[in-house]
C-alpha cells in the first residue's frame, strides 16, 4: 500500500481548521459577548454562564444561532424578555449571540448574520467612547466578578443593567452621601406571615407585584392583593448592599455616573 506523501498532511490540517484570523475574531467576539451578557442579562434574569436565574437556563439547550438571534432581536411575547435592538448595537448583538451559541456547543459561531440584519434594521446606533475618567467606574458598576454584589444587579444605566430600582436621576455628591442615601420608595410588605422590604412594581385589585429586597438579587414576587399588605417606610438602607465596594471604588462609580447619567 502506498503511503500518502507527508507534504499533504499540513494541507489537510488547513482544510480542517479555520483560518487563524477568523478564529481570533471569533474568540474576541465571544469574549466581548460574555462581557455584554454579564452586564445586561445576568442578575435577576439569567444566571452567570447561561445558568438559570429569574429566567430560564440558556446553556446546553441545543439552541441554534438562528433561534438565538431571533430571540435577542425580537424578544419573547408575554415575558420580560424584550427585543434588544433598541439597547444594543449590531456589533453587540453579534457578540452576544456568538457567546450564547458557544454555551450551546457551537464552537465556530457565524459573525456575519447579513440576512438577519436585513430583517431588523433599527438597531441602536454605535455608542461613542466613554470619557476616560468614566472608564474605571463603568467597569466597577457592571463588574461581573462581584456577582450579585455589583450595582448593575439593581440599576440600569444607558440601557445596561437590571432596572429593579427607579432610574438614577440625581447623583449623590460623595461616597458618604451615597452610603446614607434615603430610599423612600422602599416599603414594607407583609406576605404569608412574613415582613420584608419591598419595591412595589404594580398593585391592582387582584394582583400585587413587588421585589422582595430581603436577599440579593431581589426576588420578584406576585401575590393576590388580598393576601399582601404594603405599608410606608422600611428599615432597609442602601448601605446594606454596598459591602462589595470600598470608598475609592464608590468614588470612581460616582464619577462615572456624573459623566454619563442624564437627568
C-alpha atoms as a PDB file:
ATOM      1  CA  UNK A   1       0.000   0.000   0.000  1.00  0.00           C
ATOM      2  CA  UNK A   2       1.406   3.362  -0.985  1.00  0.00           C
ATOM      3  CA  UNK A   3       1.645   5.997   1.743  1.00  0.00           C
ATOM      4  CA  UNK A   4       0.301   9.470   1.188  1.00  0.00           C
ATOM      5  CA  UNK A   5       3.105  11.985   0.770  1.00  0.00           C
ATOM      6  CA  UNK A   6       3.843  13.703   4.067  1.00  0.00           C
ATOM      7  CA  UNK A   7       3.627  17.062   2.330  1.00  0.00           C
ATOM      8  CA  UNK A   8      -0.159  16.617   2.062  1.00  0.00           C
ATOM      9  CA  UNK A   9      -0.699  16.486   5.810  1.00  0.00           C
ATOM     10  CA  UNK A  10      -0.298  20.218   6.534  1.00  0.00           C
ATOM     11  CA  UNK A  11      -2.727  20.914   3.698  1.00  0.00           C
ATOM     12  CA  UNK A  12      -5.287  18.585   5.270  1.00  0.00           C
ATOM     13  CA  UNK A  13      -4.975  20.380   8.599  1.00  0.00           C
ATOM     14  CA  UNK A  14      -5.509  23.730   6.881  1.00  0.00           C
ATOM     15  CA  UNK A  15      -8.732  22.381   5.388  1.00  0.00           C
ATOM     16  CA  UNK A  16      -9.994  21.263   8.805  1.00  0.00           C
ATOM     17  CA  UNK A  17      -9.006  24.246  10.964  1.00  0.00           C
ATOM     18  CA  UNK A  18     -10.466  27.755  10.468  1.00  0.00           C
ATOM     19  CA  UNK A  19      -8.028  30.455   9.345  1.00  0.00           C
ATOM     20  CA  UNK A  20      -6.083  31.944  12.268  1.00  0.00           C
ATOM     21  CA  UNK A  21      -7.540  35.421  11.769  1.00  0.00           C
ATOM     22  CA  UNK A  22     -11.088  34.072  11.687  1.00  0.00           C
ATOM     23  CA  UNK A  23     -10.559  32.038  14.867  1.00  0.00           C
ATOM     24  CA  UNK A  24      -9.132  35.101  16.616  1.00  0.00           C
ATOM     25  CA  UNK A  25     -12.131  37.210  15.548  1.00  0.00           C
ATOM     26  CA  UNK A  26     -14.498  34.575  16.933  1.00  0.00           C
ATOM     27  CA  UNK A  27     -12.628  34.459  20.243  1.00  0.00           C
ATOM     28  CA  UNK A  28     -12.717  38.248  20.543  1.00  0.00           C
ATOM     29  CA  UNK A  29     -16.432  38.373  19.704  1.00  0.00           C
ATOM     30  CA  UNK A  30     -17.266  35.638  22.222  1.00  0.00           C
ATOM     31  CA  UNK A  31     -15.252  37.396  24.931  1.00  0.00           C
ATOM     32  CA  UNK A  32     -16.998  40.688  24.212  1.00  0.00           C
ATOM     33  CA  UNK A  33     -20.356  38.917  24.104  1.00  0.00           C
ATOM     34  CA  UNK A  34     -19.731  37.429  27.540  1.00  0.00           C
ATOM     35  CA  UNK A  35     -18.924  40.887  28.940  1.00  0.00           C
ATOM     36  CA  UNK A  36     -22.110  42.382  27.463  1.00  0.00           C
ATOM     37  CA  UNK A  37     -24.184  39.398  28.637  1.00  0.00           C
ATOM     38  CA  UNK A  38     -22.831  39.774  32.185  1.00  0.00           C
ATOM     39  CA  UNK A  39     -23.731  43.460  32.190  1.00  0.00           C
ATOM     40  CA  UNK A  40     -27.180  43.290  30.632  1.00  0.00           C
ATOM     41  CA  UNK A  41     -28.581  39.804  31.217  1.00  0.00           C
ATOM     42  CA  UNK A  42     -27.013  38.409  34.399  1.00  0.00           C
ATOM     43  CA  UNK A  43     -28.681  39.311  37.659  1.00  0.00           C
ATOM     44  CA  UNK A  44     -32.370  38.899  38.282  1.00  0.00           C
ATOM     45  CA  UNK A  45     -32.769  37.446  34.789  1.00  0.00           C
ATOM     46  CA  UNK A  46     -30.283  34.831  33.557  1.00  0.00           C
ATOM     47  CA  UNK A  47     -27.552  33.372  35.740  1.00  0.00           C
ATOM     48  CA  UNK A  48     -23.800  33.584  35.010  1.00  0.00           C
ATOM     49  CA  UNK A  49     -22.630  31.496  32.041  1.00  0.00           C
ATOM     50  CA  UNK A  50     -26.232  30.915  30.980  1.00  0.00           C
ATOM     51  CA  UNK A  51     -27.334  29.179  34.176  1.00  0.00           C
ATOM     52  CA  UNK A  52     -30.923  29.652  35.389  1.00  0.00           C
ATOM     53  CA  UNK A  53     -31.880  32.733  37.394  1.00  0.00           C
ATOM     54  CA  UNK A  54     -35.179  34.564  37.332  1.00  0.00           C
ATOM     55  CA  UNK A  55     -35.233  33.499  33.677  1.00  0.00           C
ATOM     56  CA  UNK A  56     -34.620  30.017  32.214  1.00  0.00           C
ATOM     57  CA  UNK A  57     -31.262  28.355  31.629  1.00  0.00           C
ATOM     58  CA  UNK A  58     -29.575  29.189  28.320  1.00  0.00           C
ATOM     59  CA  UNK A  59     -26.583  26.843  28.439  1.00  0.00           C
ATOM     60  CA  UNK A  60     -26.752  23.360  26.952  1.00  0.00           C
ATOM     61  CA  UNK A  61     -30.225  23.750  25.473  1.00  0.00           C
ATOM     62  CA  UNK A  62     -29.307  22.827  21.891  1.00  0.00           C
ATOM     63  CA  UNK A  63     -30.253  26.268  20.531  1.00  0.00           C
ATOM     64  CA  UNK A  64     -29.044  27.100  17.024  1.00  0.00           C
ATOM     65  CA  UNK A  65     -27.854  30.573  16.050  1.00  0.00           C
ATOM     66  CA  UNK A  66     -30.998  31.495  14.141  1.00  0.00           C
ATOM     67  CA  UNK A  67     -33.116  30.833  17.223  1.00  0.00           C
ATOM     68  CA  UNK A  68     -30.735  32.767  19.490  1.00  0.00           C
ATOM     69  CA  UNK A  69     -30.597  35.720  17.086  1.00  0.00           C
ATOM     70  CA  UNK A  70     -34.368  35.860  16.681  1.00  0.00           C
ATOM     71  CA  UNK A  71     -34.888  35.744  20.443  1.00  0.00           C
ATOM     72  CA  UNK A  72     -32.384  38.535  21.127  1.00  0.00           C
ATOM     73  CA  UNK A  73     -33.722  40.792  18.366  1.00  0.00           C
ATOM     74  CA  UNK A  74     -37.455  40.032  18.635  1.00  0.00           C
ATOM     75  CA  UNK A  75     -37.903  39.090  22.299  1.00  0.00           C
ATOM     76  CA  UNK A  76     -40.439  36.622  23.661  1.00  0.00           C
ATOM     77  CA  UNK A  77     -44.032  37.970  23.799  1.00  0.00           C
ATOM     78  CA  UNK A  78     -45.686  37.802  27.210  1.00  0.00           C
ATOM     79  CA  UNK A  79     -42.373  37.651  29.094  1.00  0.00           C
ATOM     80  CA  UNK A  80     -39.769  40.098  30.412  1.00  0.00           C
ATOM     81  CA  UNK A  81     -37.511  39.071  27.511  1.00  0.00           C
ATOM     82  CA  UNK A  82     -37.753  42.105  25.234  1.00  0.00           C
ATOM     83  CA  UNK A  83     -36.061  42.892  21.946  1.00  0.00           C
ATOM     84  CA  UNK A  84     -32.547  44.250  22.455  1.00  0.00           C
ATOM     85  CA  UNK A  85     -32.326  46.040  19.110  1.00  0.00           C
ATOM     86  CA  UNK A  86     -33.017  49.384  20.814  1.00  0.00           C
ATOM     87  CA  UNK A  87     -30.441  48.892  23.563  1.00  0.00           C
ATOM     88  CA  UNK A  88     -27.617  47.042  21.788  1.00  0.00           C
ATOM     89  CA  UNK A  89     -25.770  47.880  18.596  1.00  0.00           C
ATOM     90  CA  UNK A  90     -25.430  45.417  15.731  1.00  0.00           C
ATOM     91  CA  UNK A  91     -21.887  44.533  16.782  1.00  0.00           C
ATOM     92  CA  UNK A  92     -23.052  43.932  20.357  1.00  0.00           C
ATOM     93  CA  UNK A  93     -25.910  41.689  19.213  1.00  0.00           C
ATOM     94  CA  UNK A  94     -23.494  39.655  17.073  1.00  0.00           C
ATOM     95  CA  UNK A  95     -21.188  39.272  20.089  1.00  0.00           C
ATOM     96  CA  UNK A  96     -23.948  38.230  22.498  1.00  0.00           C
ATOM     97  CA  UNK A  97     -25.398  35.733  20.013  1.00  0.00           C
ATOM     98  CA  UNK A  98     -21.913  34.283  19.433  1.00  0.00           C
ATOM     99  CA  UNK A  99     -21.388  33.907  23.193  1.00  0.00           C
ATOM    100  CA  UNK A 100     -24.743  32.208  23.797  1.00  0.00           C
ATOM    101  CA  UNK A 101     -24.034  29.984  20.785  1.00  0.00           C
ATOM    102  CA  UNK A 102     -20.843  28.725  22.453  1.00  0.00           C
ATOM    103  CA  UNK A 103     -22.885  27.920  25.567  1.00  0.00           C
ATOM    104  CA  UNK A 104     -24.841  25.595  23.275  1.00  0.00           C
ATOM    105  CA  UNK A 105     -21.773  23.786  21.907  1.00  0.00           C
ATOM    106  CA  UNK A 106     -21.443  25.828  18.705  1.00  0.00           C
ATOM    107  CA  UNK A 107     -17.658  26.117  18.532  1.00  0.00           C
ATOM    108  CA  UNK A 108     -17.382  28.344  15.454  1.00  0.00           C
ATOM    109  CA  UNK A 109     -20.334  30.768  15.521  1.00  0.00           C
ATOM    110  CA  UNK A 110     -21.187  32.828  12.463  1.00  0.00           C
ATOM    111  CA  UNK A 111     -20.299  36.510  12.936  1.00  0.00           C
ATOM    112  CA  UNK A 112     -21.993  37.860   9.802  1.00  0.00           C
ATOM    113  CA  UNK A 113     -25.783  37.438  10.059  1.00  0.00           C
ATOM    114  CA  UNK A 114     -26.133  39.533   6.925  1.00  0.00           C
ATOM    115  CA  UNK A 115     -29.531  38.084   6.031  1.00  0.00           C
ATOM    116  CA  UNK A 116     -30.896  38.627   9.532  1.00  0.00           C
ATOM    117  CA  UNK A 117     -29.766  42.239   9.760  1.00  0.00           C
ATOM    118  CA  UNK A 118     -31.899  42.998   6.740  1.00  0.00           C
ATOM    119  CA  UNK A 119     -34.929  41.919   8.763  1.00  0.00           C
ATOM    120  CA  UNK A 120     -34.069  44.058  11.811  1.00  0.00           C
ATOM    121  CA  UNK A 121     -32.612  47.349  10.547  1.00  0.00           C
ATOM    122  CA  UNK A 122     -33.383  49.597  13.523  1.00  0.00           C
ATOM    123  CA  UNK A 123     -30.515  48.828  15.868  1.00  0.00           C
ATOM    124  CA  UNK A 124     -29.222  51.236  18.467  1.00  0.00           C
ATOM    125  CA  UNK A 125     -26.531  53.485  16.939  1.00  0.00           C
ATOM    126  CA  UNK A 126     -22.934  52.666  17.838  1.00  0.00           C
ATOM    127  CA  UNK A 127     -22.023  54.159  21.208  1.00  0.00           C
ATOM    128  CA  UNK A 128     -19.438  56.874  21.460  1.00  0.00           C
ATOM    129  CA  UNK A 129     -16.396  56.228  23.601  1.00  0.00           C
ATOM    130  CA  UNK A 130     -16.765  56.786  27.336  1.00  0.00           C
ATOM    131  CA  UNK A 131     -14.840  59.732  28.792  1.00  0.00           C
ATOM    132  CA  UNK A 132     -11.518  58.423  30.086  1.00  0.00           C
ATOM    133  CA  UNK A 133     -12.366  59.392  33.676  1.00  0.00           C
ATOM    134  CA  UNK A 134     -15.583  57.363  33.498  1.00  0.00           C
ATOM    135  CA  UNK A 135     -13.991  54.057  32.461  1.00  0.00           C
ATOM    136  CA  UNK A 136     -12.906  52.750  35.923  1.00  0.00           C
ATOM    137  CA  UNK A 137     -16.308  53.487  37.454  1.00  0.00           C
ATOM    138  CA  UNK A 138     -18.093  51.962  34.475  1.00  0.00           C
ATOM    139  CA  UNK A 139     -16.162  48.712  34.916  1.00  0.00           C
ATOM    140  CA  UNK A 140     -16.893  48.660  38.655  1.00  0.00           C
ATOM    141  CA  UNK A 141     -20.609  49.391  38.173  1.00  0.00           C
ATOM    142  CA  UNK A 142     -21.024  46.378  35.863  1.00  0.00           C
ATOM    143  CA  UNK A 143     -18.275  44.203  37.405  1.00  0.00           C
ATOM    144  CA  UNK A 144     -19.340  40.599  36.793  1.00  0.00           C
ATOM    145  CA  UNK A 145     -16.670  39.260  39.167  1.00  0.00           C
ATOM    146  CA  UNK A 146     -18.670  40.663  42.092  1.00  0.00           C
ATOM    147  CA  UNK A 147     -21.653  38.538  41.123  1.00  0.00           C
ATOM    148  CA  UNK A 148     -24.875  39.938  42.523  1.00  0.00           C
ATOM    149  CA  UNK A 149     -22.939  42.435  44.663  1.00  0.00           C
ATOM    150  CA  UNK A 150     -22.486  44.840  41.743  1.00  0.00           C
ATOM    151  CA  UNK A 151     -24.542  47.997  41.193  1.00  0.00           C
ATOM    152  CA  UNK A 152     -25.950  46.696  37.890  1.00  0.00           C
ATOM    153  CA  UNK A 153     -27.877  43.971  39.733  1.00  0.00           C
ATOM    154  CA  UNK A 154     -30.499  46.600  40.613  1.00  0.00           C
ATOM    155  CA  UNK A 155     -29.699  49.666  38.499  1.00  0.00           C
ATOM    156  CA  UNK A 156     -29.813  50.344  34.781  1.00  0.00           C
ATOM    157  CA  UNK A 157     -27.578  52.988  33.200  1.00  0.00           C
ATOM    158  CA  UNK A 158     -27.665  53.770  29.485  1.00  0.00           C
ATOM    159  CA  UNK A 159     -29.853  50.704  28.816  1.00  0.00           C
ATOM    160  CA  UNK A 160     -27.426  48.350  30.567  1.00  0.00           C
ATOM    161  CA  UNK A 161     -28.075  46.614  33.874  1.00  0.00           C
ATOM    162  CA  UNK A 162     -31.250  45.394  35.589  1.00  0.00           C
ATOM    163  CA  UNK A 163     -33.873  48.130  36.248  1.00  0.00           C
ATOM    164  CA  UNK A 164     -35.108  46.855  39.625  1.00  0.00           C
ATOM    165  CA  UNK A 165     -34.807  50.305  41.212  1.00  0.00           C
ATOM    166  CA  UNK A 166     -36.070  53.519  39.684  1.00  0.00           C
ATOM    167  CA  UNK A 167     -33.841  55.296  37.182  1.00  0.00           C
ATOM    168  CA  UNK A 168     -30.878  57.232  38.576  1.00  0.00           C
ATOM    169  CA  UNK A 169     -31.721  60.889  38.007  1.00  0.00           C
ATOM    170  CA  UNK A 170     -29.561  62.540  40.662  1.00  0.00           C
ATOM    171  CA  UNK A 171     -26.023  61.503  41.557  1.00  0.00           C
ATOM    172  CA  UNK A 172     -25.022  61.785  45.258  1.00  0.00           C
ATOM    173  CA  UNK A 173     -22.359  64.393  45.982  1.00  0.00           C
ATOM    174  CA  UNK A 174     -19.931  61.951  47.582  1.00  0.00           C
ATOM    175  CA  UNK A 175     -19.370  58.482  48.995  1.00  0.00           C
ATOM    176  CA  UNK A 176     -20.790  59.357  52.421  1.00  0.00           C
ATOM    177  CA  UNK A 177     -23.966  60.696  50.791  1.00  0.00           C
ATOM    178  CA  UNK A 178     -24.182  57.550  48.642  1.00  0.00           C
ATOM    179  CA  UNK A 179     -23.977  55.245  51.655  1.00  0.00           C
ATOM    180  CA  UNK A 180     -26.515  57.311  53.580  1.00  0.00           C
ATOM    181  CA  UNK A 181     -28.842  57.845  50.608  1.00  0.00           C
ATOM    182  CA  UNK A 182     -32.510  57.813  51.563  1.00  0.00           C
ATOM    183  CA  UNK A 183     -34.696  55.194  49.885  1.00  0.00           C
ATOM    184  CA  UNK A 184     -38.274  56.403  50.400  1.00  0.00           C
ATOM    185  CA  UNK A 185     -39.519  54.175  47.572  1.00  0.00           C
ATOM    186  CA  UNK A 186     -38.696  51.071  49.645  1.00  0.00           C
ATOM    187  CA  UNK A 187     -41.757  49.985  51.606  1.00  0.00           C
ATOM    188  CA  UNK A 188     -42.616  47.103  53.928  1.00  0.00           C
ATOM    189  CA  UNK A 189     -44.636  44.179  52.620  1.00  0.00           C
ATOM    190  CA  UNK A 190     -46.371  41.621  54.825  1.00  0.00           C
ATOM    191  CA  UNK A 191     -46.968  38.378  52.977  1.00  0.00           C
ATOM    192  CA  UNK A 192     -47.586  34.820  54.191  1.00  0.00           C
ATOM    193  CA  UNK A 193     -46.862  35.822  57.785  1.00  0.00           C
ATOM    194  CA  UNK A 194     -43.516  37.464  56.970  1.00  0.00           C
ATOM    195  CA  UNK A 195     -42.489  41.096  56.640  1.00  0.00           C
ATOM    196  CA  UNK A 196     -39.914  42.180  54.103  1.00  0.00           C
ATOM    197  CA  UNK A 197     -38.520  45.347  52.461  1.00  0.00           C
ATOM    198  CA  UNK A 198     -40.216  45.755  49.120  1.00  0.00           C
ATOM    199  CA  UNK A 199     -40.138  47.750  45.905  1.00  0.00           C
ATOM    200  CA  UNK A 200     -43.675  47.692  44.527  1.00  0.00           C
ATOM    201  CA  UNK A 201     -43.877  47.252  40.754  1.00  0.00           C
ATOM    202  CA  UNK A 202     -47.668  47.283  40.493  1.00  0.00           C
ATOM    203  CA  UNK A 203     -50.648  46.964  42.777  1.00  0.00           C
ATOM    204  CA  UNK A 204     -54.072  46.153  41.372  1.00  0.00           C
ATOM    205  CA  UNK A 205     -57.342  44.837  42.691  1.00  0.00           C
ATOM    206  CA  UNK A 206     -56.339  41.237  42.044  1.00  0.00           C
ATOM    207  CA  UNK A 207     -52.541  41.081  41.841  1.00  0.00           C
ATOM    208  CA  UNK A 208     -49.656  42.865  43.551  1.00  0.00           C
ATOM    209  CA  UNK A 209     -46.160  42.566  42.082  1.00  0.00           C
ATOM    210  CA  UNK A 210     -43.127  43.587  44.115  1.00  0.00           C
ATOM    211  CA  UNK A 211     -39.413  42.969  44.540  1.00  0.00           C
ATOM    212  CA  UNK A 212     -38.509  41.379  47.873  1.00  0.00           C
ATOM    213  CA  UNK A 213     -35.236  43.061  48.942  1.00  0.00           C
ATOM    214  CA  UNK A 214     -34.502  40.606  51.748  1.00  0.00           C
ATOM    215  CA  UNK A 215     -31.768  38.952  49.675  1.00  0.00           C
ATOM    216  CA  UNK A 216     -29.539  39.795  46.725  1.00  0.00           C
ATOM    217  CA  UNK A 217     -30.536  39.613  43.950  1.00  0.00           C
ATOM    218  CA  UNK A 218     -34.045  40.816  44.794  1.00  0.00           C
ATOM    219  CA  UNK A 219     -36.820  38.288  44.250  1.00  0.00           C
ATOM    220  CA  UNK A 220     -39.783  39.303  42.100  1.00  0.00           C
ATOM    221  CA  UNK A 221     -42.976  38.168  43.829  1.00  0.00           C
ATOM    222  CA  UNK A 222     -46.561  38.105  42.581  1.00  0.00           C
ATOM    223  CA  UNK A 223     -49.336  37.750  45.149  1.00  0.00           C
ATOM    224  CA  UNK A 224     -53.076  38.114  45.484  1.00  0.00           C
ATOM    225  CA  UNK A 225     -53.652  41.692  46.570  1.00  0.00           C
ATOM    226  CA  UNK A 226     -55.897  40.442  49.360  1.00  0.00           C
ATOM    227  CA  UNK A 227     -53.005  38.364  50.753  1.00  0.00           C
ATOM    228  CA  UNK A 228     -50.346  41.088  50.906  1.00  0.00           C
ATOM    229  CA  UNK A 229     -50.323  44.403  52.737  1.00  0.00           C
ATOM    230  CA  UNK A 230     -47.975  47.266  51.926  1.00  0.00           C
ATOM    231  CA  UNK A 231     -47.032  49.909  54.489  1.00  0.00           C
ATOM    232  CA  UNK A 232     -44.884  53.016  54.122  1.00  0.00           C
ATOM    233  CA  UNK A 233     -41.255  53.010  55.232  1.00  0.00           C
ATOM    234  CA  UNK A 234     -38.700  50.275  55.843  1.00  0.00           C
ATOM    235  CA  UNK A 235     -35.583  49.597  57.926  1.00  0.00           C
ATOM    236  CA  UNK A 236     -33.783  48.650  54.693  1.00  0.00           C
ATOM    237  CA  UNK A 237     -30.958  51.020  53.704  1.00  0.00           C
ATOM    238  CA  UNK A 238     -28.784  51.473  50.640  1.00  0.00           C
ATOM    239  CA  UNK A 239     -25.542  50.911  52.562  1.00  0.00           C
ATOM    240  CA  UNK A 240     -26.544  47.281  53.171  1.00  0.00           C
ATOM    241  CA  UNK A 241     -25.914  46.377  49.515  1.00  0.00           C
ATOM    242  CA  UNK A 242     -22.639  48.281  49.037  1.00  0.00           C
ATOM    243  CA  UNK A 243     -20.391  45.975  51.029  1.00  0.00           C
ATOM    244  CA  UNK A 244     -18.526  44.648  47.974  1.00  0.00           C
ATOM    245  CA  UNK A 245     -17.113  48.127  47.232  1.00  0.00           C
ATOM    246  CA  UNK A 246     -14.629  50.230  49.188  1.00  0.00           C
ATOM    247  CA  UNK A 247     -14.749  54.031  49.342  1.00  0.00           C
ATOM    248  CA  UNK A 248     -12.270  54.547  46.487  1.00  0.00           C
ATOM    249  CA  UNK A 249     -14.278  52.261  44.218  1.00  0.00           C
ATOM    250  CA  UNK A 250     -17.526  54.016  45.090  1.00  0.00           C
ATOM    251  CA  UNK A 251     -15.878  57.361  44.298  1.00  0.00           C
ATOM    252  CA  UNK A 252     -14.985  56.009  40.828  1.00  0.00           C
ATOM    253  CA  UNK A 253     -18.568  54.836  40.327  1.00  0.00           C
ATOM    254  CA  UNK A 254     -19.894  58.285  41.243  1.00  0.00           C
ATOM    255  CA  UNK A 255     -17.500  59.865  38.727  1.00  0.00           C
ATOM    256  CA  UNK A 256     -18.823  57.508  36.037  1.00  0.00           C
ATOM    257  CA  UNK A 257     -22.420  58.411  36.882  1.00  0.00           C
ATOM    258  CA  UNK A 258     -21.735  62.170  36.866  1.00  0.00           C
ATOM    259  CA  UNK A 259     -20.210  61.933  33.391  1.00  0.00           C
ATOM    260  CA  UNK A 260     -22.834  59.665  31.837  1.00  0.00           C
ATOM    261  CA  UNK A 261     -26.210  59.933  33.592  1.00  0.00           C
ATOM    262  CA  UNK A 262     -28.608  62.474  32.150  1.00  0.00           C
ATOM    263  CA  UNK A 263     -31.377  63.728  34.462  1.00  0.00           C
END
